[in-house]
Amino acid sequence: MTLPLRPARRPRPTRRERVGRVVLVLVGAVLAFLLGIAFAETLDERPAPGGVVTNVRTLTPMPQEAPTRTVTVTVTTG
């Protein structure tokens, strides 16, 4: 008759490991909080929709010279 094997117990984490894990979680929470604040500030600072601005400029044509030669193209359809 064989006995079922029990999974091996993990050793209890040391005090140093527990403190390290707590510090890591706290740093992650602070970073998530700061990222949320930055995102909210970005949403508050965006411009209000509907502000349409139209710019009108008058363009002056550039001077042109007379062509040196002209070409005539004739197309016939069958």
N, C-alpha and C. Protein backbone atom coordinates (compact mmCIF):
# COMPACT_ATOMS: atom_id res chain seq x y z
N MET A 1 0.84 -1.17 0.00
CA MET A 1 0.00 0.00 0.00
C MET A 1 0.90 1.24 0.00
N THR A 2 0.55 2.19 -0.88
CA THR A 2 1.35 3.41 -0.96
C THR A 2 0.56 4.56 -0.38
N LEU A 3 1.26 5.41 0.29
CA LEU A 3 0.63 6.59 0.87
C LEU A 3 0.69 7.74 -0.11
N PRO A 4 -0.36 8.58 -0.16
CA PRO A 4 -0.29 9.73 -1.07
C PRO A 4 0.80 10.69 -0.62
N LEU A 5 1.47 11.21 -1.59
CA LEU A 5 2.55 12.15 -1.29
C LEU A 5 1.98 13.52 -0.98
N ARG A 6 2.46 14.10 0.08
CA ARG A 6 2.04 15.45 0.43
C ARG A 6 3.00 16.43 -0.24
N PRO A 7 2.43 17.54 -0.71
CA PRO A 7 3.35 18.53 -1.28
C PRO A 7 4.25 19.09 -0.18
N ALA A 8 5.47 19.34 -0.55
CA ALA A 8 6.42 19.86 0.43
C ALA A 8 6.02 21.27 0.82
N ARG A 9 6.14 21.56 2.11
CA ARG A 9 5.81 22.90 2.59
C ARG A 9 6.93 23.85 2.22
N ARG A 10 6.51 25.03 1.86
CA ARG A 10 7.50 26.06 1.59
C ARG A 10 8.01 26.57 2.92
N PRO A 11 9.28 26.89 2.98
CA PRO A 11 9.78 27.45 4.23
C PRO A 11 9.19 28.84 4.45
N ARG A 12 8.99 29.18 5.70
CA ARG A 12 8.42 30.49 6.01
C ARG A 12 9.39 31.57 5.55
N PRO A 13 8.82 32.65 4.97
CA PRO A 13 9.72 33.73 4.54
C PRO A 13 10.38 34.39 5.74
N THR A 14 11.60 34.80 5.53
CA THR A 14 12.31 35.46 6.61
C THR A 14 11.77 36.87 6.78
N ARG A 15 12.14 37.48 7.88
CA ARG A 15 11.69 38.84 8.17
C ARG A 15 12.16 39.79 7.06
N ARG A 16 13.36 39.58 6.60
CA ARG A 16 13.92 40.44 5.54
C ARG A 16 13.09 40.31 4.25
N GLU A 17 12.69 39.10 3.91
CA GLU A 17 11.88 38.89 2.70
C GLU A 17 10.51 39.56 2.85
N ARG A 18 9.91 39.46 4.04
CA ARG A 18 8.61 40.09 4.25
C ARG A 18 8.71 41.61 4.15
N VAL A 19 9.75 42.18 4.75
CA VAL A 19 9.93 43.63 4.69
C VAL A 19 10.18 44.07 3.25
N GLY A 20 10.99 43.31 2.52
CA GLY A 20 11.25 43.63 1.11
C GLY A 20 9.99 43.59 0.27
N ARG A 21 9.14 42.59 0.53
CA ARG A 21 7.89 42.48 -0.23
C ARG A 21 6.96 43.64 0.09
N VAL A 22 6.87 44.03 1.35
CA VAL A 22 6.01 45.15 1.76
C VAL A 22 6.51 46.45 1.13
N VAL A 23 7.82 46.66 1.14
CA VAL A 23 8.38 47.87 0.53
C VAL A 23 8.09 47.89 -0.97
N LEU A 24 8.24 46.75 -1.63
CA LEU A 24 7.98 46.68 -3.07
C LEU A 24 6.51 46.99 -3.38
N VAL A 25 5.60 46.48 -2.59
CA VAL A 25 4.17 46.75 -2.79
C VAL A 25 3.87 48.23 -2.57
N LEU A 26 4.46 48.81 -1.53
CA LEU A 26 4.24 50.24 -1.26
C LEU A 26 4.78 51.12 -2.38
N VAL A 27 5.95 50.80 -2.90
CA VAL A 27 6.52 51.58 -4.01
C VAL A 27 5.61 51.46 -5.23
N GLY A 28 5.11 50.27 -5.51
CA GLY A 28 4.18 50.09 -6.64
C GLY A 28 2.91 50.88 -6.47
N ALA A 29 2.38 50.91 -5.24
CA ALA A 29 1.15 51.67 -4.98
C ALA A 29 1.39 53.17 -5.15
N VAL A 30 2.53 53.65 -4.67
CA VAL A 30 2.85 55.08 -4.82
C VAL A 30 3.01 55.44 -6.30
N LEU A 31 3.67 54.59 -7.07
CA LEU A 31 3.83 54.85 -8.50
C LEU A 31 2.48 54.86 -9.22
N ALA A 32 1.59 53.94 -8.88
CA ALA A 32 0.27 53.92 -9.50
C ALA A 32 -0.52 55.18 -9.13
N PHE A 33 -0.39 55.62 -7.88
CA PHE A 33 -1.07 56.83 -7.44
C PHE A 33 -0.56 58.05 -8.21
N LEU A 34 0.76 58.17 -8.33
CA LEU A 34 1.34 59.31 -9.05
C LEU A 34 0.97 59.28 -10.53
N LEU A 35 0.92 58.10 -11.12
CA LEU A 35 0.50 57.99 -12.52
C LEU A 35 -0.95 58.43 -12.69
N GLY A 36 -1.80 58.09 -11.74
CA GLY A 36 -3.21 58.53 -11.80
C GLY A 36 -3.33 60.04 -11.68
N ILE A 37 -2.53 60.65 -10.81
CA ILE A 37 -2.56 62.11 -10.68
C ILE A 37 -2.09 62.76 -11.99
N ALA A 38 -1.02 62.24 -12.58
CA ALA A 38 -0.52 62.81 -13.83
C ALA A 38 -1.56 62.69 -14.94
N PHE A 39 -2.24 61.57 -15.01
CA PHE A 39 -3.27 61.38 -16.03
C PHE A 39 -4.43 62.35 -15.84
N ALA A 40 -4.84 62.55 -14.59
CA ALA A 40 -5.94 63.48 -14.30
C ALA A 40 -5.54 64.92 -14.65
N GLU A 41 -4.31 65.29 -14.37
CA GLU A 41 -3.84 66.64 -14.73
C GLU A 41 -3.84 66.82 -16.24
N THR A 42 -3.45 65.80 -16.96
CA THR A 42 -3.45 65.88 -18.42
C THR A 42 -4.86 66.10 -18.95
N LEU A 43 -5.84 65.41 -18.38
CA LEU A 43 -7.21 65.58 -18.83
C LEU A 43 -7.73 66.98 -18.50
N ASP A 44 -7.32 67.54 -17.37
CA ASP A 44 -7.78 68.87 -16.98
C ASP A 44 -7.18 69.97 -17.85
N GLU A 45 -5.97 69.76 -18.36
CA GLU A 45 -5.27 70.81 -19.10
C GLU A 45 -5.55 70.82 -20.59
N ARG A 46 -6.29 69.86 -21.10
CA ARG A 46 -6.54 69.84 -22.54
C ARG A 46 -7.49 70.98 -22.92
N PRO A 47 -7.40 71.48 -24.16
CA PRO A 47 -8.25 72.60 -24.56
C PRO A 47 -9.71 72.18 -24.69
N ALA A 48 -10.58 73.15 -24.51
CA ALA A 48 -12.02 72.90 -24.62
C ALA A 48 -12.38 72.63 -26.08
N PRO A 49 -13.26 71.67 -26.35
CA PRO A 49 -13.63 71.38 -27.73
C PRO A 49 -14.49 72.50 -28.32
N GLY A 50 -14.46 72.62 -29.62
CA GLY A 50 -15.31 73.59 -30.31
C GLY A 50 -14.63 74.91 -30.62
N GLY A 51 -13.43 75.10 -30.21
CA GLY A 51 -12.72 76.35 -30.49
C GLY A 51 -12.10 76.29 -31.88
N VAL A 52 -12.83 76.78 -32.88
CA VAL A 52 -12.35 76.74 -34.26
C VAL A 52 -11.67 78.07 -34.58
N VAL A 53 -10.47 78.00 -35.13
CA VAL A 53 -9.73 79.19 -35.52
C VAL A 53 -9.46 79.10 -37.02
N THR A 54 -9.79 80.17 -37.73
CA THR A 54 -9.55 80.21 -39.17
C THR A 54 -8.50 81.27 -39.47
N ASN A 55 -7.47 80.87 -40.17
CA ASN A 55 -6.43 81.80 -40.60
C ASN A 55 -6.59 82.05 -42.09
N VAL A 56 -6.55 83.32 -42.51
CA VAL A 56 -6.67 83.67 -43.92
C VAL A 56 -5.38 84.33 -44.34
N ARG A 57 -4.77 83.79 -45.40
CA ARG A 57 -3.55 84.39 -45.95
C ARG A 57 -3.74 84.59 -47.44
N THR A 58 -3.21 85.67 -47.94
CA THR A 58 -3.24 85.93 -49.37
C THR A 58 -1.88 85.58 -49.94
N LEU A 59 -1.87 84.68 -50.91
CA LEU A 59 -0.62 84.27 -51.53
C LEU A 59 -0.42 85.05 -52.82
N THR A 60 0.76 85.57 -53.01
CA THR A 60 1.07 86.28 -54.26
C THR A 60 1.71 85.29 -55.21
N PRO A 61 1.29 85.33 -56.48
CA PRO A 61 1.85 84.36 -57.44
C PRO A 61 3.32 84.69 -57.73
N MET A 62 4.06 83.64 -58.00
CA MET A 62 5.46 83.81 -58.36
C MET A 62 5.54 84.20 -59.84
N PRO A 63 6.51 85.00 -60.20
CA PRO A 63 6.64 85.39 -61.61
C PRO A 63 6.99 84.17 -62.47
N GLN A 64 6.38 84.15 -63.68
CA GLN A 64 6.63 83.04 -64.60
C GLN A 64 7.23 83.58 -65.88
N GLU A 65 8.07 82.78 -66.48
CA GLU A 65 8.66 83.14 -67.77
C GLU A 65 7.88 82.46 -68.88
N ALA A 66 8.02 82.99 -70.09
CA ALA A 66 7.37 82.38 -71.25
C ALA A 66 8.03 81.03 -71.52
N PRO A 67 7.24 80.03 -71.95
CA PRO A 67 7.84 78.72 -72.23
C PRO A 67 8.81 78.79 -73.40
N THR A 68 9.86 77.99 -73.34
CA THR A 68 10.86 77.98 -74.44
C THR A 68 10.33 77.26 -75.65
N ARG A 69 9.47 76.27 -75.49
CA ARG A 69 8.85 75.59 -76.63
C ARG A 69 7.52 75.05 -76.19
N THR A 70 6.63 74.80 -77.15
CA THR A 70 5.33 74.22 -76.85
C THR A 70 5.21 72.89 -77.56
N VAL A 71 4.44 71.99 -77.00
CA VAL A 71 4.25 70.66 -77.59
C VAL A 71 2.76 70.45 -77.74
N THR A 72 2.33 69.97 -78.93
CA THR A 72 0.94 69.68 -79.19
C THR A 72 0.77 68.16 -79.25
N VAL A 73 -0.18 67.63 -78.53
CA VAL A 73 -0.44 66.19 -78.52
C VAL A 73 -1.81 65.97 -79.10
N THR A 74 -1.89 65.09 -80.13
CA THR A 74 -3.16 64.77 -80.77
C THR A 74 -3.48 63.31 -80.51
N VAL A 75 -4.70 63.07 -80.02
CA VAL A 75 -5.11 61.70 -79.69
C VAL A 75 -6.29 61.37 -80.57
N THR A 76 -6.22 60.22 -81.24
CA THR A 76 -7.34 59.75 -82.05
C THR A 76 -7.82 58.44 -81.48
N THR A 77 -9.14 58.27 -81.46
CA THR A 77 -9.72 57.04 -80.96
C THR A 77 -10.23 56.23 -82.13
N GLY A 78 -10.08 54.95 -82.05
CA GLY A 78 -10.38 54.04 -83.15
C GLY A 78 -11.78 53.75 -83.29
